[in-house]
Amino acid sequence: GKIHGSLVRAGKVKSQTPKVAKQEKKKALAGRTKKRQVYNRRFVNITTAVGGKRRMNPAPIQGPLIQPFARVRAPSVFFV
């Protein structure tokens, strides 16, 4: 069969998406000042996560994953 649609539909989503003008942003730091900012973020004003660890990319804290219908395998050896 045909795979992944035809080229007629190419660019459909991009053409449908409304154009949003770029916002003005503050100039990004470069060179020594960027290194200074990174140092301050990592080592000076540290916010520690649970367990006293500092994580580089902290995600929202979430409990252990519990699978609702986990299958329990029967033992592979049967005693007669």
PDB file of N, CA and C in Angstrom:
ATOM      1  N   GLY A   1       0.823  -1.209   0.000  1.00  0.00           N
ATOM      2  CA  GLY A   1       0.000   0.000   0.000  1.00  0.00           C
ATOM      3  C   GLY A   1       0.849   1.248   0.000  1.00  0.00           C
ATOM      4  N   LYS A   2       0.171   2.365  -0.109  1.00  0.00           N
ATOM      5  CA  LYS A   2       0.884   3.648  -0.099  1.00  0.00           C
ATOM      6  C   LYS A   2       1.298   3.975   1.338  1.00  0.00           C
ATOM      7  N   ILE A   3       2.480   4.512   1.463  1.00  0.00           N
ATOM      8  CA  ILE A   3       3.023   4.763   2.799  1.00  0.00           C
ATOM      9  C   ILE A   3       3.131   6.267   3.048  1.00  0.00           C
ATOM     10  N   HIS A   4       2.658   6.694   4.199  1.00  0.00           N
ATOM     11  CA  HIS A   4       2.828   8.071   4.696  1.00  0.00           C
ATOM     12  C   HIS A   4       2.165   9.145   3.849  1.00  0.00           C
ATOM     13  N   GLY A   5       1.147   8.839   3.111  1.00  0.00           N
ATOM     14  CA  GLY A   5       0.401   9.872   2.395  1.00  0.00           C
ATOM     15  C   GLY A   5       1.133  10.394   1.173  1.00  0.00           C
ATOM     16  N   SER A   6       0.423  11.163   0.386  1.00  0.00           N
ATOM     17  CA  SER A   6       1.005  11.668  -0.860  1.00  0.00           C
ATOM     18  C   SER A   6       1.630  13.037  -0.639  1.00  0.00           C
ATOM     19  N   LEU A   7       2.381  13.507  -1.616  1.00  0.00           N
ATOM     20  CA  LEU A   7       3.036  14.808  -1.509  1.00  0.00           C
ATOM     21  C   LEU A   7       2.058  15.960  -1.670  1.00  0.00           C
ATOM     22  N   VAL A   8       0.815  15.661  -2.044  1.00  0.00           N
ATOM     23  CA  VAL A   8      -0.196  16.713  -2.180  1.00  0.00           C
ATOM     24  C   VAL A   8      -0.448  17.369  -0.824  1.00  0.00           C
ATOM     25  N   ARG A   9      -0.370  16.553   0.240  1.00  0.00           N
ATOM     26  CA  ARG A   9      -0.672  17.074   1.583  1.00  0.00           C
ATOM     27  C   ARG A   9       0.549  17.654   2.280  1.00  0.00           C
ATOM     28  N   ALA A  10       1.684  17.737   1.623  1.00  0.00           N
ATOM     29  CA  ALA A  10       2.905  18.234   2.264  1.00  0.00           C
ATOM     30  C   ALA A  10       2.727  19.695   2.673  1.00  0.00           C
ATOM     31  N   GLY A  11       3.130  20.030   3.899  1.00  0.00           N
ATOM     32  CA  GLY A  11       3.046  21.405   4.392  1.00  0.00           C
ATOM     33  C   GLY A  11       1.672  21.811   4.864  1.00  0.00           C
ATOM     34  N   LYS A  12       0.761  20.869   5.034  1.00  0.00           N
ATOM     35  CA  LYS A  12      -0.620  21.178   5.419  1.00  0.00           C
ATOM     36  C   LYS A  12      -0.679  21.861   6.791  1.00  0.00           C
ATOM     37  N   VAL A  13       0.001  21.302   7.766  1.00  0.00           N
ATOM     38  CA  VAL A  13      -0.076  21.831   9.128  1.00  0.00           C
ATOM     39  C   VAL A  13       0.558  23.212   9.209  1.00  0.00           C
ATOM     40  N   LYS A  14       1.707  23.395   8.557  1.00  0.00           N
ATOM     41  CA  LYS A  14       2.390  24.688   8.618  1.00  0.00           C
ATOM     42  C   LYS A  14       1.534  25.784   8.002  1.00  0.00           C
ATOM     43  N   SER A  15       0.849  25.470   6.913  1.00  0.00           N
ATOM     44  CA  SER A  15       0.007  26.488   6.272  1.00  0.00           C
ATOM     45  C   SER A  15      -1.240  26.789   7.103  1.00  0.00           C
ATOM     46  N   GLN A  16      -1.699  25.832   7.911  1.00  0.00           N
ATOM     47  CA  GLN A  16      -2.891  26.044   8.747  1.00  0.00           C
ATOM     48  C   GLN A  16      -2.587  26.838  10.008  1.00  0.00           C
ATOM     49  N   THR A  17      -1.342  26.773  10.473  1.00  0.00           N
ATOM     50  CA  THR A  17      -0.980  27.398  11.740  1.00  0.00           C
ATOM     51  C   THR A  17      -0.996  28.914  11.617  1.00  0.00           C
ATOM     52  N   PRO A  18      -1.675  29.594  12.558  1.00  0.00           N
ATOM     53  CA  PRO A  18      -1.710  31.057  12.483  1.00  0.00           C
ATOM     54  C   PRO A  18      -0.328  31.663  12.731  1.00  0.00           C
ATOM     55  N   LYS A  19      -0.011  32.718  11.984  1.00  0.00           N
ATOM     56  CA  LYS A  19       1.284  33.377  12.105  1.00  0.00           C
ATOM     57  C   LYS A  19       1.288  34.249  13.357  1.00  0.00           C
ATOM     58  N   VAL A  20       2.298  34.068  14.178  1.00  0.00           N
ATOM     59  CA  VAL A  20       2.450  34.858  15.394  1.00  0.00           C
ATOM     60  C   VAL A  20       3.734  35.647  15.273  1.00  0.00           C
ATOM     61  N   ALA A  21       3.648  36.968  15.446  1.00  0.00           N
ATOM     62  CA  ALA A  21       4.826  37.826  15.322  1.00  0.00           C
ATOM     63  C   ALA A  21       5.805  37.531  16.451  1.00  0.00           C
ATOM     64  N   LYS A  22       7.113  37.601  16.143  1.00  0.00           N
ATOM     65  CA  LYS A  22       8.125  37.346  17.160  1.00  0.00           C
ATOM     66  C   LYS A  22       8.130  38.464  18.186  1.00  0.00           C
ATOM     67  N   GLN A  23       8.316  38.079  19.452  1.00  0.00           N
ATOM     68  CA  GLN A  23       8.352  39.069  20.520  1.00  0.00           C
ATOM     69  C   GLN A  23       9.773  39.589  20.689  1.00  0.00           C
ATOM     70  N   GLU A  24       9.872  40.817  21.169  1.00  0.00           N
ATOM     71  CA  GLU A  24      11.200  41.377  21.450  1.00  0.00           C
ATOM     72  C   GLU A  24      11.705  40.789  22.749  1.00  0.00           C
ATOM     73  N   LYS A  25      12.946  40.309  22.714  1.00  0.00           N
ATOM     74  CA  LYS A  25      13.540  39.717  23.896  1.00  0.00           C
ATOM     75  C   LYS A  25      14.784  40.493  24.290  1.00  0.00           C
ATOM     76  N   LYS A  26      15.169  40.321  25.566  1.00  0.00           N
ATOM     77  CA  LYS A  26      16.391  40.928  26.044  1.00  0.00           C
ATOM     78  C   LYS A  26      17.573  40.225  25.375  1.00  0.00           C
ATOM     79  N   LYS A  27      18.635  40.965  25.104  1.00  0.00           N
ATOM     80  CA  LYS A  27      19.814  40.389  24.458  1.00  0.00           C
ATOM     81  C   LYS A  27      20.427  39.317  25.360  1.00  0.00           C
ATOM     82  N   ALA A  28      20.731  38.164  24.797  1.00  0.00           N
ATOM     83  CA  ALA A  28      21.314  37.068  25.570  1.00  0.00           C
ATOM     84  C   ALA A  28      22.752  37.405  25.946  1.00  0.00           C
ATOM     85  N   LEU A  29      23.158  36.915  27.123  1.00  0.00           N
ATOM     86  CA  LEU A  29      24.517  37.156  27.574  1.00  0.00           C
ATOM     87  C   LEU A  29      25.498  36.321  26.757  1.00  0.00           C
ATOM     88  N   ALA A  30      26.729  36.805  26.646  1.00  0.00           N
ATOM     89  CA  ALA A  30      27.743  36.080  25.890  1.00  0.00           C
ATOM     90  C   ALA A  30      29.078  36.181  26.609  1.00  0.00           C
ATOM     91  N   GLY A  31      29.964  35.252  26.319  1.00  0.00           N
ATOM     92  CA  GLY A  31      31.330  35.302  26.848  1.00  0.00           C
ATOM     93  C   GLY A  31      31.419  35.135  28.346  1.00  0.00           C
ATOM     94  N   ARG A  32      32.215  36.010  28.988  1.00  0.00           N
ATOM     95  CA  ARG A  32      32.469  35.920  30.423  1.00  0.00           C
ATOM     96  C   ARG A  32      31.203  36.057  31.240  1.00  0.00           C
ATOM     97  N   THR A  33      30.312  36.971  30.838  1.00  0.00           N
ATOM     98  CA  THR A  33      29.085  37.185  31.618  1.00  0.00           C
ATOM     99  C   THR A  33      28.166  35.969  31.561  1.00  0.00           C
ATOM    100  N   LYS A  34      28.168  35.251  30.461  1.00  0.00           N
ATOM    101  CA  LYS A  34      27.350  34.040  30.385  1.00  0.00           C
ATOM    102  C   LYS A  34      27.903  32.978  31.324  1.00  0.00           C
ATOM    103  N   LYS A  35      29.242  32.823  31.329  1.00  0.00           N
ATOM    104  CA  LYS A  35      29.874  31.862  32.240  1.00  0.00           C
ATOM    105  C   LYS A  35      29.565  32.225  33.689  1.00  0.00           C
ATOM    106  N   ARG A  36      29.573  33.517  33.995  1.00  0.00           N
ATOM    107  CA  ARG A  36      29.278  33.985  35.347  1.00  0.00           C
ATOM    108  C   ARG A  36      27.849  33.643  35.744  1.00  0.00           C
ATOM    109  N   GLN A  37      26.921  33.847  34.805  1.00  0.00           N
ATOM    110  CA  GLN A  37      25.514  33.536  35.059  1.00  0.00           C
ATOM    111  C   GLN A  37      25.323  32.036  35.307  1.00  0.00           C
ATOM    112  N   VAL A  38      25.977  31.211  34.495  1.00  0.00           N
ATOM    113  CA  VAL A  38      25.869  29.763  34.648  1.00  0.00           C
ATOM    114  C   VAL A  38      26.449  29.321  35.990  1.00  0.00           C
ATOM    115  N   TYR A  39      27.612  29.880  36.375  1.00  0.00           N
ATOM    116  CA  TYR A  39      28.232  29.547  37.658  1.00  0.00           C
ATOM    117  C   TYR A  39      27.303  29.901  38.811  1.00  0.00           C
ATOM    118  N   ASN A  40      26.724  31.096  38.742  1.00  0.00           N
ATOM    119  CA  ASN A  40      25.823  31.521  39.810  1.00  0.00           C
ATOM    120  C   ASN A  40      24.600  30.615  39.892  1.00  0.00           C
ATOM    121  N   ARG A  41      24.063  30.234  38.747  1.00  0.00           N
ATOM    122  CA  ARG A  41      22.875  29.378  38.731  1.00  0.00           C
ATOM    123  C   ARG A  41      23.180  27.999  39.307  1.00  0.00           C
ATOM    124  N   ARG A  42      24.383  27.474  38.994  1.00  0.00           N
ATOM    125  CA  ARG A  42      24.698  26.103  39.391  1.00  0.00           C
ATOM    126  C   ARG A  42      25.250  25.977  40.800  1.00  0.00           C
ATOM    127  N   PHE A  43      26.066  26.938  41.233  1.00  0.00           N
ATOM    128  CA  PHE A  43      26.785  26.743  42.481  1.00  0.00           C
ATOM    129  C   PHE A  43      26.475  27.752  43.572  1.00  0.00           C
ATOM    130  N   VAL A  44      25.995  28.945  43.258  1.00  0.00           N
ATOM    131  CA  VAL A  44      25.811  29.958  44.285  1.00  0.00           C
ATOM    132  C   VAL A  44      24.423  29.878  44.899  1.00  0.00           C
ATOM    133  N   ASN A  45      23.384  30.152  44.123  1.00  0.00           N
ATOM    134  CA  ASN A  45      22.033  30.069  44.687  1.00  0.00           C
ATOM    135  C   ASN A  45      21.401  28.736  44.289  1.00  0.00           C
ATOM    136  N   ILE A  46      21.788  27.698  45.067  1.00  0.00           N
ATOM    137  CA  ILE A  46      21.370  26.332  44.768  1.00  0.00           C
ATOM    138  C   ILE A  46      20.030  26.057  45.432  1.00  0.00           C
ATOM    139  N   THR A  47      19.122  25.436  44.679  1.00  0.00           N
ATOM    140  CA  THR A  47      17.886  24.928  45.265  1.00  0.00           C
ATOM    141  C   THR A  47      17.960  23.412  45.169  1.00  0.00           C
ATOM    142  N   THR A  48      17.898  22.750  46.323  1.00  0.00           N
ATOM    143  CA  THR A  48      18.061  21.301  46.332  1.00  0.00           C
ATOM    144  C   THR A  48      16.707  20.620  46.225  1.00  0.00           C
ATOM    145  N   ALA A  49      16.709  19.477  45.591  1.00  0.00           N
ATOM    146  CA  ALA A  49      15.491  18.690  45.416  1.00  0.00           C
ATOM    147  C   ALA A  49      15.364  17.707  46.576  1.00  0.00           C
ATOM    148  N   VAL A  50      14.413  16.807  46.468  1.00  0.00           N
ATOM    149  CA  VAL A  50      14.192  15.811  47.506  1.00  0.00           C
ATOM    150  C   VAL A  50      15.429  14.937  47.623  1.00  0.00           C
ATOM    151  N   GLY A  51      15.862  14.685  48.852  1.00  0.00           N
ATOM    152  CA  GLY A  51      17.052  13.872  49.049  1.00  0.00           C
ATOM    153  C   GLY A  51      18.327  14.690  49.049  1.00  0.00           C
ATOM    154  N   GLY A  52      18.228  16.027  48.994  1.00  0.00           N
ATOM    155  CA  GLY A  52      19.391  16.895  49.045  1.00  0.00           C
ATOM    156  C   GLY A  52      20.192  16.937  47.761  1.00  0.00           C
ATOM    157  N   LYS A  53      19.642  16.396  46.665  1.00  0.00           N
ATOM    158  CA  LYS A  53      20.378  16.402  45.407  1.00  0.00           C
ATOM    159  C   LYS A  53      19.946  17.575  44.554  1.00  0.00           C
ATOM    160  N   ARG A  54      20.894  18.103  43.799  1.00  0.00           N
ATOM    161  CA  ARG A  54      20.605  19.181  42.872  1.00  0.00           C
ATOM    162  C   ARG A  54      20.564  18.585  41.486  1.00  0.00           C
ATOM    163  N   ARG A  55      19.435  18.730  40.810  1.00  0.00           N
ATOM    164  CA  ARG A  55      19.289  18.119  39.499  1.00  0.00           C
ATOM    165  C   ARG A  55      19.423  19.164  38.413  1.00  0.00           C
ATOM    166  N   MET A  56      20.045  18.779  37.300  1.00  0.00           N
ATOM    167  CA  MET A  56      20.282  19.715  36.209  1.00  0.00           C
ATOM    168  C   MET A  56      18.981  20.130  35.521  1.00  0.00           C
ATOM    169  N   ASN A  57      18.104  19.168  35.294  1.00  0.00           N
ATOM    170  CA  ASN A  57      16.855  19.471  34.595  1.00  0.00           C
ATOM    171  C   ASN A  57      15.701  18.936  35.424  1.00  0.00           C
ATOM    172  N   PRO A  58      15.326  19.659  36.489  1.00  0.00           N
ATOM    173  CA  PRO A  58      14.331  19.103  37.400  1.00  0.00           C
ATOM    174  C   PRO A  58      12.944  19.031  36.771  1.00  0.00           C
ATOM    175  N   ALA A  59      12.377  17.856  36.823  1.00  0.00           N
ATOM    176  CA  ALA A  59      11.005  17.656  36.355  1.00  0.00           C
ATOM    177  C   ALA A  59      10.083  17.739  37.563  1.00  0.00           C
ATOM    178  N   PRO A  60       8.794  17.922  37.341  1.00  0.00           N
ATOM    179  CA  PRO A  60       7.875  17.919  38.477  1.00  0.00           C
ATOM    180  C   PRO A  60       7.988  16.605  39.256  1.00  0.00           C
ATOM    181  N   ILE A  61       7.928  16.702  40.581  1.00  0.00           N
ATOM    182  CA  ILE A  61       8.104  15.516  41.418  1.00  0.00           C
ATOM    183  C   ILE A  61       6.893  14.612  41.261  1.00  0.00           C
ATOM    184  N   GLN A  62       7.171  13.335  41.094  1.00  0.00           N
ATOM    185  CA  GLN A  62       6.109  12.399  40.796  1.00  0.00           C
ATOM    186  C   GLN A  62       6.385  11.131  41.585  1.00  0.00           C
ATOM    187  N   GLY A  63       5.343  10.490  42.061  1.00  0.00           N
ATOM    188  CA  GLY A  63       5.498   9.276  42.853  1.00  0.00           C
ATOM    189  C   GLY A  63       5.954   8.110  42.002  1.00  0.00           C
ATOM    190  N   PRO A  64       6.136   6.949  42.636  1.00  0.00           N
ATOM    191  CA  PRO A  64       6.570   5.781  41.871  1.00  0.00           C
ATOM    192  C   PRO A  64       5.492   5.348  40.891  1.00  0.00           C
ATOM    193  N   LEU A  65       5.934   4.871  39.740  1.00  0.00           N
ATOM    194  CA  LEU A  65       4.984   4.427  38.731  1.00  0.00           C
ATOM    195  C   LEU A  65       4.364   3.109  39.155  1.00  0.00           C
ATOM    196  N   ILE A  66       3.052   3.079  39.207  1.00  0.00           N
ATOM    197  CA  ILE A  66       2.335   1.863  39.564  1.00  0.00           C
ATOM    198  C   ILE A  66       1.483   1.482  38.373  1.00  0.00           C
ATOM    199  N   GLN A  67       1.716   0.308  37.845  1.00  0.00           N
ATOM    200  CA  GLN A  67       0.926  -0.147  36.716  1.00  0.00           C
ATOM    201  C   GLN A  67      -0.344  -0.786  37.248  1.00  0.00           C
ATOM    202  N   PRO A  68      -1.513  -0.318  36.781  1.00  0.00           N
ATOM    203  CA  PRO A  68      -2.764  -0.764  37.373  1.00  0.00           C
ATOM    204  C   PRO A  68      -3.055  -2.256  37.187  1.00  0.00           C
ATOM    205  N   PHE A  69      -2.769  -2.805  36.034  1.00  0.00           N
ATOM    206  CA  PHE A  69      -3.085  -4.204  35.793  1.00  0.00           C
ATOM    207  C   PHE A  69      -1.824  -4.962  35.419  1.00  0.00           C
ATOM    208  N   ALA A  70      -0.893  -5.031  36.338  1.00  0.00           N
ATOM    209  CA  ALA A  70       0.356  -5.731  36.060  1.00  0.00           C
ATOM    210  C   ALA A  70       0.102  -7.229  36.067  1.00  0.00           C
ATOM    211  N   ARG A  71       0.588  -7.897  35.050  1.00  0.00           N
ATOM    212  CA  ARG A  71       0.408  -9.340  34.971  1.00  0.00           C
ATOM    213  C   ARG A  71       1.429 -10.032  35.864  1.00  0.00           C
ATOM    214  N   VAL A  72       0.990 -11.068  36.528  1.00  0.00           N
ATOM    215  CA  VAL A  72       1.894 -11.865  37.338  1.00  0.00           C
ATOM    216  C   VAL A  72       2.160 -13.142  36.569  1.00  0.00           C
ATOM    217  N   ARG A  73       3.436 -13.375  36.294  1.00  0.00           N
ATOM    218  CA  ARG A  73       3.783 -14.573  35.525  1.00  0.00           C
ATOM    219  C   ARG A  73       3.750 -15.792  36.414  1.00  0.00           C
ATOM    220  N   ALA A  74       3.251 -16.887  35.853  1.00  0.00           N
ATOM    221  CA  ALA A  74       3.262 -18.156  36.578  1.00  0.00           C
ATOM    222  C   ALA A  74       4.688 -18.669  36.621  1.00  0.00           C
ATOM    223  N   PRO A  75       5.066 -19.385  37.674  1.00  0.00           N
ATOM    224  CA  PRO A  75       6.424 -19.914  37.738  1.00  0.00           C
ATOM    225  C   PRO A  75       6.668 -20.871  36.582  1.00  0.00           C
ATOM    226  N   SER A  76       7.904 -20.860  36.081  1.00  0.00           N
ATOM    227  CA  SER A  76       8.211 -21.675  34.909  1.00  0.00           C
ATOM    228  C   SER A  76       8.406 -23.145  35.257  1.00  0.00           C
ATOM    229  N   VAL A  77       8.624 -23.446  36.542  1.00  0.00           N
ATOM    230  CA  VAL A  77       8.833 -24.833  36.960  1.00  0.00           C
ATOM    231  C   VAL A  77       7.617 -25.278  37.762  1.00  0.00           C
ATOM    232  N   PHE A  78       7.021 -26.370  37.347  1.00  0.00           N
ATOM    233  CA  PHE A  78       5.850 -26.888  38.064  1.00  0.00           C
ATOM    234  C   PHE A  78       6.240 -28.163  38.776  1.00  0.00           C
ATOM    235  N   PHE A  79       5.830 -28.250  40.018  1.00  0.00           N
ATOM    236  CA  PHE A  79       6.131 -29.455  40.800  1.00  0.00           C
ATOM    237  C   PHE A  79       4.947 -30.389  40.699  1.00  0.00           C
ATOM    238  N   VAL A  80       5.232 -31.678  40.450  1.00  0.00           N
ATOM    239  CA  VAL A  80       4.172 -32.660  40.286  1.00  0.00           C
ATOM    240  C   VAL A  80       3.996 -33.458  41.530  1.00  0.00           C
TER     241      VAL A  80
END
